């Protein structure tokens, strides 16, 4: 359940926030290049959605948004998105032979002065 929540939150909230901020920067004449698709500079939100998170994160970092991107663990997110993990009989998540504390990973998005559960 927590793994699915992480994926939905990242795909649904984090990616959309990153896309919106990238779009606002592009509208303000900052160049975001889609390296994978022929080094084409993106001009609209549809093109930005096709740019990989790694490149969007680098772009945001270059423009002063490190505080926003520092909690985004792209390796963990990719592992979850591509189902490169196992869950043992006790419900523990394992990635590349290491046990992962999912609640600890997910809690980085939750403010300590709120209880969401």
PDB file of N, CA and C in Angstrom:
ATOM      1  N   UNK A   1       0.816  -1.186   0.000  1.00  0.00           N
ATOM      2  CA  UNK A   1       0.000   0.000   0.000  1.00  0.00           C
ATOM      3  C   UNK A   1       0.872   1.268   0.000  1.00  0.00           C
ATOM      4  N   UNK A   2       1.912   1.249   0.833  1.00  0.00           N
ATOM      5  CA  UNK A   2       2.790   2.419   0.906  1.00  0.00           C
ATOM      6  C   UNK A   2       3.573   2.622  -0.385  1.00  0.00           C
ATOM      7  N   UNK A   3       3.974   1.523  -1.020  1.00  0.00           N
ATOM      8  CA  UNK A   3       4.696   1.629  -2.291  1.00  0.00           C
ATOM      9  C   UNK A   3       3.786   2.237  -3.351  1.00  0.00           C
ATOM     10  N   UNK A   4       2.552   1.790  -3.406  1.00  0.00           N
ATOM     11  CA  UNK A   4       1.592   2.344  -4.360  1.00  0.00           C
ATOM     12  C   UNK A   4       1.332   3.814  -4.072  1.00  0.00           C
ATOM     13  N   UNK A   5       1.225   4.163  -2.806  1.00  0.00           N
ATOM     14  CA  UNK A   5       1.015   5.561  -2.425  1.00  0.00           C
ATOM     15  C   UNK A   5       2.175   6.432  -2.882  1.00  0.00           C
ATOM     16  N   UNK A   6       3.393   5.921  -2.684  1.00  0.00           N
ATOM     17  CA  UNK A   6       4.588   6.671  -3.113  1.00  0.00           C
ATOM     18  C   UNK A   6       4.540   6.922  -4.616  1.00  0.00           C
ATOM     19  N   UNK A   7       4.205   5.899  -5.378  1.00  0.00           N
ATOM     20  CA  UNK A   7       4.155   6.043  -6.829  1.00  0.00           C
ATOM     21  C   UNK A   7       3.063   7.035  -7.247  1.00  0.00           C
ATOM     22  N   UNK A   8       1.887   6.906  -6.652  1.00  0.00           N
ATOM     23  CA  UNK A   8       0.794   7.822  -6.998  1.00  0.00           C
ATOM     24  C   UNK A   8       1.122   9.257  -6.611  1.00  0.00           C
ATOM     25  N   UNK A   9       1.735   9.444  -5.451  1.00  0.00           N
ATOM     26  CA  UNK A   9       2.087  10.786  -5.009  1.00  0.00           C
ATOM     27  C   UNK A   9       3.146  11.395  -5.927  1.00  0.00           C
ATOM     28  N   UNK A  10       4.160  10.606  -6.244  1.00  0.00           N
ATOM     29  CA  UNK A  10       5.228  11.111  -7.108  1.00  0.00           C
ATOM     30  C   UNK A  10       4.704  11.405  -8.501  1.00  0.00           C
ATOM     31  N   UNK A  11       3.980  10.449  -9.072  1.00  0.00           N
ATOM     32  CA  UNK A  11       3.457  10.635 -10.430  1.00  0.00           C
ATOM     33  C   UNK A  11       2.373  11.712 -10.478  1.00  0.00           C
ATOM     34  N   UNK A  12       1.533  11.757  -9.460  1.00  0.00           N
ATOM     35  CA  UNK A  12       0.391  12.655  -9.497  1.00  0.00           C
ATOM     36  C   UNK A  12       0.662  14.060  -8.995  1.00  0.00           C
ATOM     37  N   UNK A  13       1.490  14.191  -7.978  1.00  0.00           N
ATOM     38  CA  UNK A  13       1.700  15.501  -7.368  1.00  0.00           C
ATOM     39  C   UNK A  13       3.073  16.064  -7.715  1.00  0.00           C
ATOM     40  N   UNK A  14       4.116  15.315  -7.382  1.00  0.00           N
ATOM     41  CA  UNK A  14       5.482  15.815  -7.575  1.00  0.00           C
ATOM     42  C   UNK A  14       5.759  16.117  -9.049  1.00  0.00           C
ATOM     43  N   UNK A  15       5.478  15.169  -9.920  1.00  0.00           N
ATOM     44  CA  UNK A  15       5.745  15.391 -11.355  1.00  0.00           C
ATOM     45  C   UNK A  15       4.982  16.592 -11.893  1.00  0.00           C
ATOM     46  N   UNK A  16       3.724  16.721 -11.495  1.00  0.00           N
ATOM     47  CA  UNK A  16       2.928  17.853 -11.978  1.00  0.00           C
ATOM     48  C   UNK A  16       3.447  19.183 -11.444  1.00  0.00           C
ATOM     49  N   UNK A  17       3.879  19.207 -10.196  1.00  0.00           N
ATOM     50  CA  UNK A  17       4.470  20.437  -9.634  1.00  0.00           C
ATOM     51  C   UNK A  17       5.760  20.801 -10.366  1.00  0.00           C
ATOM     52  N   UNK A  18       6.616  19.809 -10.583  1.00  0.00           N
ATOM     53  CA  UNK A  18       7.861  20.051 -11.312  1.00  0.00           C
ATOM     54  C   UNK A  18       7.555  20.566 -12.720  1.00  0.00           C
ATOM     55  N   UNK A  19       6.582  19.941 -13.388  1.00  0.00           N
ATOM     56  CA  UNK A  19       6.213  20.365 -14.743  1.00  0.00           C
ATOM     57  C   UNK A  19       5.724  21.813 -14.751  1.00  0.00           C
ATOM     58  N   UNK A  20       4.883  22.162 -13.795  1.00  0.00           N
ATOM     59  CA  UNK A  20       4.347  23.517 -13.747  1.00  0.00           C
ATOM     60  C   UNK A  20       5.447  24.544 -13.525  1.00  0.00           C
ATOM     61  N   UNK A  21       6.342  24.282 -12.602  1.00  0.00           N
ATOM     62  CA  UNK A  21       7.429  25.237 -12.346  1.00  0.00           C
ATOM     63  C   UNK A  21       8.351  25.339 -13.553  1.00  0.00           C
ATOM     64  N   UNK A  22       8.644  24.198 -14.173  1.00  0.00           N
ATOM     65  CA  UNK A  22       9.455  24.229 -15.403  1.00  0.00           C
ATOM     66  C   UNK A  22       8.762  25.061 -16.472  1.00  0.00           C
ATOM     67  N   UNK A  23       7.466  24.889 -16.606  1.00  0.00           N
ATOM     68  CA  UNK A  23       6.704  25.636 -17.610  1.00  0.00           C
ATOM     69  C   UNK A  23       6.762  27.138 -17.333  1.00  0.00           C
ATOM     70  N   UNK A  24       6.608  27.519 -16.079  1.00  0.00           N
ATOM     71  CA  UNK A  24       6.689  28.940 -15.728  1.00  0.00           C
ATOM     72  C   UNK A  24       8.070  29.506 -16.033  1.00  0.00           C
ATOM     73  N   UNK A  25       9.106  28.718 -15.791  1.00  0.00           N
ATOM     74  CA  UNK A  25      10.467  29.154 -16.125  1.00  0.00           C
ATOM     75  C   UNK A  25      10.649  29.285 -17.636  1.00  0.00           C
ATOM     76  N   UNK A  26      10.084  28.343 -18.397  1.00  0.00           N
ATOM     77  CA  UNK A  26      10.170  28.411 -19.863  1.00  0.00           C
ATOM     78  C   UNK A  26       9.432  29.655 -20.362  1.00  0.00           C
ATOM     79  N   UNK A  27       8.266  29.936 -19.784  1.00  0.00           N
ATOM     80  CA  UNK A  27       7.529  31.151 -20.167  1.00  0.00           C
ATOM     81  C   UNK A  27       8.331  32.414 -19.863  1.00  0.00           C
ATOM     82  N   UNK A  28       9.209  32.310 -18.847  1.00  0.00           N
ATOM     83  CA  UNK A  28      10.062  33.440 -18.469  1.00  0.00           C
ATOM     84  C   UNK A  28      11.391  33.412 -19.238  1.00  0.00           C
ATOM     85  N   UNK A  29      11.409  32.691 -20.344  1.00  0.00           N
ATOM     86  CA  UNK A  29      12.531  32.663 -21.287  1.00  0.00           C
ATOM     87  C   UNK A  29      13.762  31.882 -20.796  1.00  0.00           C
ATOM     88  N   UNK A  30      13.546  30.876 -19.970  1.00  0.00           N
ATOM     89  CA  UNK A  30      14.627  29.964 -19.606  1.00  0.00           C
ATOM     90  C   UNK A  30      14.514  28.747 -20.517  1.00  0.00           C
ATOM     91  N   UNK A  31      15.646  28.226 -20.965  1.00  0.00           N
ATOM     92  CA  UNK A  31      15.654  27.128 -21.934  1.00  0.00           C
ATOM     93  C   UNK A  31      15.758  25.771 -21.243  1.00  0.00           C
ATOM     94  N   UNK A  32      14.755  24.940 -21.479  1.00  0.00           N
ATOM     95  CA  UNK A  32      14.765  23.548 -21.021  1.00  0.00           C
ATOM     96  C   UNK A  32      14.882  22.680 -22.256  1.00  0.00           C
ATOM     97  N   UNK A  33      15.969  21.939 -22.319  1.00  0.00           N
ATOM     98  CA  UNK A  33      16.251  21.111 -23.489  1.00  0.00           C
ATOM     99  C   UNK A  33      15.819  19.673 -23.229  1.00  0.00           C
ATOM    100  N   UNK A  34      15.154  19.078 -24.198  1.00  0.00           N
ATOM    101  CA  UNK A  34      14.799  17.660 -24.128  1.00  0.00           C
ATOM    102  C   UNK A  34      15.918  16.884 -24.809  1.00  0.00           C
ATOM    103  N   UNK A  35      16.898  16.474 -24.036  1.00  0.00           N
ATOM    104  CA  UNK A  35      18.100  15.819 -24.547  1.00  0.00           C
ATOM    105  C   UNK A  35      17.773  14.509 -25.263  1.00  0.00           C
ATOM    106  N   UNK A  36      16.810  13.779 -24.749  1.00  0.00           N
ATOM    107  CA  UNK A  36      16.466  12.475 -25.319  1.00  0.00           C
ATOM    108  C   UNK A  36      15.829  12.621 -26.698  1.00  0.00           C
ATOM    109  N   UNK A  37      15.070  13.646 -26.900  1.00  0.00           N
ATOM    110  CA  UNK A  37      14.356  13.849 -28.166  1.00  0.00           C
ATOM    111  C   UNK A  37      15.033  14.920 -29.028  1.00  0.00           C
ATOM    112  N   UNK A  38      16.227  14.616 -29.510  1.00  0.00           N
ATOM    113  CA  UNK A  38      16.946  15.437 -30.496  1.00  0.00           C
ATOM    114  C   UNK A  38      17.338  16.821 -29.996  1.00  0.00           C
ATOM    115  N   UNK A  39      17.642  16.951 -28.711  1.00  0.00           N
ATOM    116  CA  UNK A  39      18.074  18.231 -28.147  1.00  0.00           C
ATOM    117  C   UNK A  39      17.141  19.387 -28.489  1.00  0.00           C
ATOM    118  N   UNK A  40      15.884  19.112 -28.535  1.00  0.00           N
ATOM    119  CA  UNK A  40      14.873  20.115 -28.851  1.00  0.00           C
ATOM    120  C   UNK A  40      14.506  20.899 -27.586  1.00  0.00           C
ATOM    121  N   UNK A  41      14.433  22.206 -27.700  1.00  0.00           N
ATOM    122  CA  UNK A  41      13.990  23.019 -26.568  1.00  0.00           C
ATOM    123  C   UNK A  41      12.473  22.939 -26.462  1.00  0.00           C
ATOM    124  N   UNK A  42      11.994  22.724 -25.253  1.00  0.00           N
ATOM    125  CA  UNK A  42      10.553  22.575 -25.056  1.00  0.00           C
ATOM    126  C   UNK A  42       9.899  23.951 -24.976  1.00  0.00           C
ATOM    127  N   UNK A  43       8.648  24.005 -25.412  1.00  0.00           N
ATOM    128  CA  UNK A  43       7.938  25.278 -25.448  1.00  0.00           C
ATOM    129  C   UNK A  43       6.582  25.227 -24.766  1.00  0.00           C
ATOM    130  N   UNK A  44       6.069  24.019 -24.515  1.00  0.00           N
ATOM    131  CA  UNK A  44       4.731  23.928 -23.930  1.00  0.00           C
ATOM    132  C   UNK A  44       4.688  22.824 -22.875  1.00  0.00           C
ATOM    133  N   UNK A  45       3.608  22.790 -22.145  1.00  0.00           N
ATOM    134  CA  UNK A  45       3.477  21.855 -21.026  1.00  0.00           C
ATOM    135  C   UNK A  45       3.481  20.397 -21.508  1.00  0.00           C
ATOM    136  N   UNK A  46       2.969  20.136 -22.692  1.00  0.00           N
ATOM    137  CA  UNK A  46       2.965  18.773 -23.236  1.00  0.00           C
ATOM    138  C   UNK A  46       4.394  18.288 -23.476  1.00  0.00           C
ATOM    139  N   UNK A  47       5.233  19.159 -24.027  1.00  0.00           N
ATOM    140  CA  UNK A  47       6.637  18.806 -24.255  1.00  0.00           C
ATOM    141  C   UNK A  47       7.378  18.618 -22.931  1.00  0.00           C
ATOM    142  N   UNK A  48       7.085  19.469 -21.969  1.00  0.00           N
ATOM    143  CA  UNK A  48       7.741  19.363 -20.660  1.00  0.00           C
ATOM    144  C   UNK A  48       7.403  18.025 -20.008  1.00  0.00           C
ATOM    145  N   UNK A  49       6.182  17.574 -20.150  1.00  0.00           N
ATOM    146  CA  UNK A  49       5.768  16.295 -19.561  1.00  0.00           C
ATOM    147  C   UNK A  49       6.572  15.125 -20.129  1.00  0.00           C
ATOM    148  N   UNK A  50       7.125  15.276 -21.318  1.00  0.00           N
ATOM    149  CA  UNK A  50       7.903  14.212 -21.956  1.00  0.00           C
ATOM    150  C   UNK A  50       9.375  14.216 -21.536  1.00  0.00           C
ATOM    151  N   UNK A  51       9.824  15.301 -20.917  1.00  0.00           N
ATOM    152  CA  UNK A  51      11.219  15.396 -20.469  1.00  0.00           C
ATOM    153  C   UNK A  51      11.378  14.537 -19.217  1.00  0.00           C
ATOM    154  N   UNK A  52      12.476  13.802 -19.145  1.00  0.00           N
ATOM    155  CA  UNK A  52      12.729  12.937 -17.993  1.00  0.00           C
ATOM    156  C   UNK A  52      12.880  13.720 -16.700  1.00  0.00           C
ATOM    157  N   UNK A  53      12.476  13.090 -15.595  1.00  0.00           N
ATOM    158  CA  UNK A  53      12.552  13.743 -14.286  1.00  0.00           C
ATOM    159  C   UNK A  53      13.982  14.163 -13.944  1.00  0.00           C
ATOM    160  N   UNK A  54      14.950  13.389 -14.371  1.00  0.00           N
ATOM    161  CA  UNK A  54      16.344  13.726 -14.086  1.00  0.00           C
ATOM    162  C   UNK A  54      16.687  15.102 -14.666  1.00  0.00           C
ATOM    163  N   UNK A  55      16.294  15.339 -15.898  1.00  0.00           N
ATOM    164  CA  UNK A  55      16.597  16.603 -16.559  1.00  0.00           C
ATOM    165  C   UNK A  55      15.780  17.754 -15.963  1.00  0.00           C
ATOM    166  N   UNK A  56      14.524  17.467 -15.626  1.00  0.00           N
ATOM    167  CA  UNK A  56      13.713  18.505 -14.986  1.00  0.00           C
ATOM    168  C   UNK A  56      14.299  18.881 -13.630  1.00  0.00           C
ATOM    169  N   UNK A  57      14.748  17.891 -12.875  1.00  0.00           N
ATOM    170  CA  UNK A  57      15.345  18.150 -11.570  1.00  0.00           C
ATOM    171  C   UNK A  57      16.609  18.993 -11.716  1.00  0.00           C
ATOM    172  N   UNK A  58      17.458  18.649 -12.684  1.00  0.00           N
ATOM    173  CA  UNK A  58      18.670  19.442 -12.931  1.00  0.00           C
ATOM    174  C   UNK A  58      18.306  20.884 -13.314  1.00  0.00           C
ATOM    175  N   UNK A  59      17.323  21.032 -14.170  1.00  0.00           N
ATOM    176  CA  UNK A  59      16.857  22.354 -14.620  1.00  0.00           C
ATOM    177  C   UNK A  59      16.355  23.179 -13.433  1.00  0.00           C
ATOM    178  N   UNK A  60      15.540  22.556 -12.592  1.00  0.00           N
ATOM    179  CA  UNK A  60      15.025  23.256 -11.418  1.00  0.00           C
ATOM    180  C   UNK A  60      16.141  23.624 -10.446  1.00  0.00           C
ATOM    181  N   UNK A  61      17.092  22.719 -10.257  1.00  0.00           N
ATOM    182  CA  UNK A  61      18.231  23.009  -9.380  1.00  0.00           C
ATOM    183  C   UNK A  61      19.028  24.209  -9.886  1.00  0.00           C
ATOM    184  N   UNK A  62      19.218  24.281 -11.203  1.00  0.00           N
ATOM    185  CA  UNK A  62      19.973  25.388 -11.805  1.00  0.00           C
ATOM    186  C   UNK A  62      19.271  26.734 -11.630  1.00  0.00           C
ATOM    187  N   UNK A  63      17.979  26.674 -11.395  1.00  0.00           N
ATOM    188  CA  UNK A  63      17.202  27.913 -11.286  1.00  0.00           C
ATOM    189  C   UNK A  63      16.726  28.184  -9.855  1.00  0.00           C
ATOM    190  N   UNK A  64      17.437  27.623  -8.886  1.00  0.00           N
ATOM    191  CA  UNK A  64      17.185  27.975  -7.494  1.00  0.00           C
ATOM    192  C   UNK A  64      16.134  27.172  -6.764  1.00  0.00           C
ATOM    193  N   UNK A  65      15.786  25.995  -7.265  1.00  0.00           N
ATOM    194  CA  UNK A  65      14.739  25.191  -6.634  1.00  0.00           C
ATOM    195  C   UNK A  65      15.284  23.937  -5.948  1.00  0.00           C
ATOM    196  N   UNK A  66      16.527  23.991  -5.474  1.00  0.00           N
ATOM    197  CA  UNK A  66      17.124  22.824  -4.808  1.00  0.00           C
ATOM    198  C   UNK A  66      16.350  22.411  -3.569  1.00  0.00           C
ATOM    199  N   UNK A  67      15.786  23.358  -2.867  1.00  0.00           N
ATOM    200  CA  UNK A  67      15.006  23.040  -1.664  1.00  0.00           C
ATOM    201  C   UNK A  67      13.789  22.190  -2.022  1.00  0.00           C
ATOM    202  N   UNK A  68      13.213  22.431  -3.178  1.00  0.00           N
ATOM    203  CA  UNK A  68      12.064  21.657  -3.638  1.00  0.00           C
ATOM    204  C   UNK A  68      12.472  20.262  -4.108  1.00  0.00           C
ATOM    205  N   UNK A  69      13.581  20.179  -4.820  1.00  0.00           N
ATOM    206  CA  UNK A  69      13.960  18.909  -5.447  1.00  0.00           C
ATOM    207  C   UNK A  69      14.768  17.991  -4.536  1.00  0.00           C
ATOM    208  N   UNK A  70      15.280  18.502  -3.427  1.00  0.00           N
ATOM    209  CA  UNK A  70      16.199  17.703  -2.610  1.00  0.00           C
ATOM    210  C   UNK A  70      15.561  16.441  -2.028  1.00  0.00           C
ATOM    211  N   UNK A  71      14.259  16.428  -1.878  1.00  0.00           N
ATOM    212  CA  UNK A  71      13.592  15.258  -1.308  1.00  0.00           C
ATOM    213  C   UNK A  71      13.216  14.211  -2.362  1.00  0.00           C
ATOM    214  N   UNK A  72      13.342  14.576  -3.619  1.00  0.00           N
ATOM    215  CA  UNK A  72      12.970  13.641  -4.686  1.00  0.00           C
ATOM    216  C   UNK A  72      14.123  12.673  -4.925  1.00  0.00           C
ATOM    217  N   UNK A  73      13.918  11.430  -4.557  1.00  0.00           N
ATOM    218  CA  UNK A  73      14.918  10.376  -4.722  1.00  0.00           C
ATOM    219  C   UNK A  73      14.612   9.647  -6.027  1.00  0.00           C
ATOM    220  N   UNK A  74      15.277  10.054  -7.103  1.00  0.00           N
ATOM    221  CA  UNK A  74      14.955   9.502  -8.423  1.00  0.00           C
ATOM    222  C   UNK A  74      15.263   8.012  -8.532  1.00  0.00           C
ATOM    223  N   UNK A  75      16.296   7.553  -7.839  1.00  0.00           N
ATOM    224  CA  UNK A  75      16.626   6.125  -7.885  1.00  0.00           C
ATOM    225  C   UNK A  75      15.507   5.305  -7.257  1.00  0.00           C
ATOM    226  N   UNK A  76      15.049   5.727  -6.101  1.00  0.00           N
ATOM    227  CA  UNK A  76      13.947   5.037  -5.419  1.00  0.00           C
ATOM    228  C   UNK A  76      12.677   5.120  -6.255  1.00  0.00           C
ATOM    229  N   UNK A  77      12.375   6.295  -6.775  1.00  0.00           N
ATOM    230  CA  UNK A  77      11.173   6.470  -7.578  1.00  0.00           C
ATOM    231  C   UNK A  77      11.191   5.576  -8.817  1.00  0.00           C
ATOM    232  N   UNK A  78      12.330   5.535  -9.533  1.00  0.00           N
ATOM    233  CA  UNK A  78      12.442   4.676 -10.714  1.00  0.00           C
ATOM    234  C   UNK A  78      12.287   3.206 -10.367  1.00  0.00           C
ATOM    235  N   UNK A  79      12.845   2.820  -9.232  1.00  0.00           N
ATOM    236  CA  UNK A  79      12.708   1.429  -8.784  1.00  0.00           C
ATOM    237  C   UNK A  79      11.250   1.075  -8.581  1.00  0.00           C
ATOM    238  N   UNK A  80      10.513   1.954  -7.938  1.00  0.00           N
ATOM    239  CA  UNK A  80       9.089   1.721  -7.694  1.00  0.00           C
ATOM    240  C   UNK A  80       8.320   1.744  -9.014  1.00  0.00           C
ATOM    241  N   UNK A  81       8.575   2.744  -9.836  1.00  0.00           N
ATOM    242  CA  UNK A  81       7.851   2.896 -11.100  1.00  0.00           C
ATOM    243  C   UNK A  81       8.051   1.715 -12.032  1.00  0.00           C
ATOM    244  N   UNK A  82       9.244   1.110 -11.999  1.00  0.00           N
ATOM    245  CA  UNK A  82       9.547   0.008 -12.911  1.00  0.00           C
ATOM    246  C   UNK A  82       9.468  -1.359 -12.228  1.00  0.00           C
ATOM    247  N   UNK A  83       8.924  -1.371 -11.026  1.00  0.00           N
ATOM    248  CA  UNK A  83       8.701  -2.615 -10.272  1.00  0.00           C
ATOM    249  C   UNK A  83       9.980  -3.431 -10.084  1.00  0.00           C
ATOM    250  N   UNK A  84      11.092  -2.759  -9.833  1.00  0.00           N
ATOM    251  CA  UNK A  84      12.373  -3.429  -9.597  1.00  0.00           C
ATOM    252  C   UNK A  84      12.617  -3.593  -8.097  1.00  0.00           C
ATOM    253  N   UNK A  85      11.676  -4.211  -7.429  1.00  0.00           N
ATOM    254  CA  UNK A  85      11.771  -4.418  -5.993  1.00  0.00           C
ATOM    255  C   UNK A  85      11.082  -5.736  -5.647  1.00  0.00           C
ATOM    256  N   UNK A  86      11.309  -6.197  -4.447  1.00  0.00           N
ATOM    257  CA  UNK A  86      10.598  -7.365  -3.955  1.00  0.00           C
ATOM    258  C   UNK A  86      10.023  -7.032  -2.586  1.00  0.00           C
ATOM    259  N   UNK A  87       8.959  -7.723  -2.248  1.00  0.00           N
ATOM    260  CA  UNK A  87       8.350  -7.602  -0.927  1.00  0.00           C
ATOM    261  C   UNK A  87       8.394  -8.986  -0.314  1.00  0.00           C
ATOM    262  N   UNK A  88       9.028  -9.100   0.853  1.00  0.00           N
ATOM    263  CA  UNK A  88       9.173 -10.414   1.478  1.00  0.00           C
ATOM    264  C   UNK A  88       7.890 -10.823   2.209  1.00  0.00           C
ATOM    265  N   UNK A  89       7.908 -12.008   2.789  1.00  0.00           N
ATOM    266  CA  UNK A  89       6.729 -12.550   3.475  1.00  0.00           C
ATOM    267  C   UNK A  89       6.274 -11.693   4.656  1.00  0.00           C
ATOM    268  N   UNK A  90       7.178 -10.893   5.192  1.00  0.00           N
ATOM    269  CA  UNK A  90       6.836 -10.017   6.317  1.00  0.00           C
ATOM    270  C   UNK A  90       6.370  -8.629   5.860  1.00  0.00           C
ATOM    271  N   UNK A  91       6.297  -8.423   4.546  1.00  0.00           N
ATOM    272  CA  UNK A  91       5.840  -7.144   4.012  1.00  0.00           C
ATOM    273  C   UNK A  91       6.917  -6.097   3.892  1.00  0.00           C
ATOM    274  N   UNK A  92       8.180  -6.493   4.020  1.00  0.00           N
ATOM    275  CA  UNK A  92       9.283  -5.542   3.900  1.00  0.00           C
ATOM    276  C   UNK A  92       9.677  -5.365   2.438  1.00  0.00           C
ATOM    277  N   UNK A  93      10.000  -4.142   2.085  1.00  0.00           N
ATOM    278  CA  UNK A  93      10.407  -3.802   0.725  1.00  0.00           C
ATOM    279  C   UNK A  93      11.916  -3.951   0.607  1.00  0.00           C
ATOM    280  N   UNK A  94      12.348  -4.619  -0.453  1.00  0.00           N
ATOM    281  CA  UNK A  94      13.781  -4.818  -0.719  1.00  0.00           C
ATOM    282  C   UNK A  94      14.115  -4.281  -2.101  1.00  0.00           C
ATOM    283  N   UNK A  95      15.144  -3.442  -2.153  1.00  0.00           N
ATOM    284  CA  UNK A  95      15.619  -2.868  -3.410  1.00  0.00           C
ATOM    285  C   UNK A  95      17.110  -3.151  -3.500  1.00  0.00           C
ATOM    286  N   UNK A  96      17.512  -3.841  -4.564  1.00  0.00           N
ATOM    287  CA  UNK A  96      18.922  -4.172  -4.802  1.00  0.00           C
ATOM    288  C   UNK A  96      19.570  -4.797  -3.566  1.00  0.00           C
ATOM    289  N   UNK A  97      18.852  -5.704  -2.931  1.00  0.00           N
ATOM    290  CA  UNK A  97      19.391  -6.424  -1.783  1.00  0.00           C
ATOM    291  C   UNK A  97      19.374  -5.667  -0.472  1.00  0.00           C
ATOM    292  N   UNK A  98      18.821  -4.462  -0.462  1.00  0.00           N
ATOM    293  CA  UNK A  98      18.760  -3.671   0.755  1.00  0.00           C
ATOM    294  C   UNK A  98      17.303  -3.442   1.165  1.00  0.00           C
ATOM    295  N   UNK A  99      17.055  -3.598   2.461  1.00  0.00           N
ATOM    296  CA  UNK A  99      15.726  -3.361   3.005  1.00  0.00           C
ATOM    297  C   UNK A  99      15.475  -1.852   3.058  1.00  0.00           C
ATOM    298  N   UNK A 100      14.300  -1.434   2.588  1.00  0.00           N
ATOM    299  CA  UNK A 100      13.957  -0.013   2.523  1.00  0.00           C
ATOM    300  C   UNK A 100      12.819   0.272   3.488  1.00  0.00           C
ATOM    301  N   UNK A 101      12.983   1.314   4.282  1.00  0.00           N
ATOM    302  CA  UNK A 101      11.929   1.754   5.180  1.00  0.00           C
ATOM    303  C   UNK A 101      11.014   2.694   4.396  1.00  0.00           C
ATOM    304  N   UNK A 102       9.909   2.160   3.900  1.00  0.00           N
ATOM    305  CA  UNK A 102       9.007   2.917   3.046  1.00  0.00           C
ATOM    306  C   UNK A 102       8.403   4.097   3.802  1.00  0.00           C
ATOM    307  N   UNK A 103       8.018   3.883   5.049  1.00  0.00           N
ATOM    308  CA  UNK A 103       7.419   4.982   5.817  1.00  0.00           C
ATOM    309  C   UNK A 103       8.397   6.136   5.985  1.00  0.00           C
ATOM    310  N   UNK A 104       9.662   5.820   6.170  1.00  0.00           N
ATOM    311  CA  UNK A 104      10.679   6.858   6.291  1.00  0.00           C
ATOM    312  C   UNK A 104      10.821   7.614   4.976  1.00  0.00           C
ATOM    313  N   UNK A 105      10.794   6.894   3.867  1.00  0.00           N
ATOM    314  CA  UNK A 105      10.893   7.535   2.551  1.00  0.00           C
ATOM    315  C   UNK A 105       9.692   8.444   2.313  1.00  0.00           C
ATOM    316  N   UNK A 106       8.486   7.939   2.630  1.00  0.00           N
ATOM    317  CA  UNK A 106       7.276   8.708   2.381  1.00  0.00           C
ATOM    318  C   UNK A 106       7.122   9.886   3.333  1.00  0.00           C
ATOM    319  N   UNK A 107       7.668   9.780   4.538  1.00  0.00           N
ATOM    320  CA  UNK A 107       7.467  10.825   5.542  1.00  0.00           C
ATOM    321  C   UNK A 107       8.171  12.127   5.195  1.00  0.00           C
ATOM    322  N   UNK A 108       9.095  12.111   4.261  1.00  0.00           N
ATOM    323  CA  UNK A 108       9.801  13.345   3.902  1.00  0.00           C
ATOM    324  C   UNK A 108       8.854  14.376   3.301  1.00  0.00           C
ATOM    325  N   UNK A 109       7.701  13.922   2.809  1.00  0.00           N
ATOM    326  CA  UNK A 109       6.725  14.837   2.231  1.00  0.00           C
ATOM    327  C   UNK A 109       5.712  15.327   3.249  1.00  0.00           C
ATOM    328  N   UNK A 110       5.744  14.761   4.434  1.00  0.00           N
ATOM    329  CA  UNK A 110       4.750  15.077   5.453  1.00  0.00           C
ATOM    330  C   UNK A 110       5.356  16.019   6.477  1.00  0.00           C
ATOM    331  N   UNK A 111       4.703  17.115   6.747  1.00  0.00           N
ATOM    332  CA  UNK A 111       5.204  18.046   7.751  1.00  0.00           C
ATOM    333  C   UNK A 111       5.077  17.408   9.128  1.00  0.00           C
ATOM    334  N   UNK A 112       6.065  17.631   9.958  1.00  0.00           N
ATOM    335  CA  UNK A 112       6.102  17.004  11.277  1.00  0.00           C
ATOM    336  C   UNK A 112       5.007  17.525  12.204  1.00  0.00           C
ATOM    337  N   UNK A 113       4.417  18.672  11.902  1.00  0.00           N
ATOM    338  CA  UNK A 113       3.379  19.195  12.785  1.00  0.00           C
ATOM    339  C   UNK A 113       1.973  18.755  12.378  1.00  0.00           C
ATOM    340  N   UNK A 114       1.887  17.858  11.417  1.00  0.00           N
ATOM    341  CA  UNK A 114       0.587  17.320  10.987  1.00  0.00           C
ATOM    342  C   UNK A 114       0.602  15.805  11.101  1.00  0.00           C
ATOM    343  N   UNK A 115      -0.536  15.271  11.372  1.00  0.00           N
ATOM    344  CA  UNK A 115      -0.696  13.819  11.357  1.00  0.00           C
ATOM    345  C   UNK A 115      -1.669  13.510  10.234  1.00  0.00           C
ATOM    346  N   UNK A 116      -1.207  12.777   9.220  1.00  0.00           N
ATOM    347  CA  UNK A 116      -2.042  12.488   8.063  1.00  0.00           C
ATOM    348  C   UNK A 116      -2.699  11.125   8.135  1.00  0.00           C
ATOM    349  N   UNK A 117      -2.327  10.316   9.098  1.00  0.00           N
ATOM    350  CA  UNK A 117      -2.936   8.984   9.192  1.00  0.00           C
ATOM    351  C   UNK A 117      -3.791   8.887  10.411  1.00  0.00           C
TER     352      UNK A 117
END
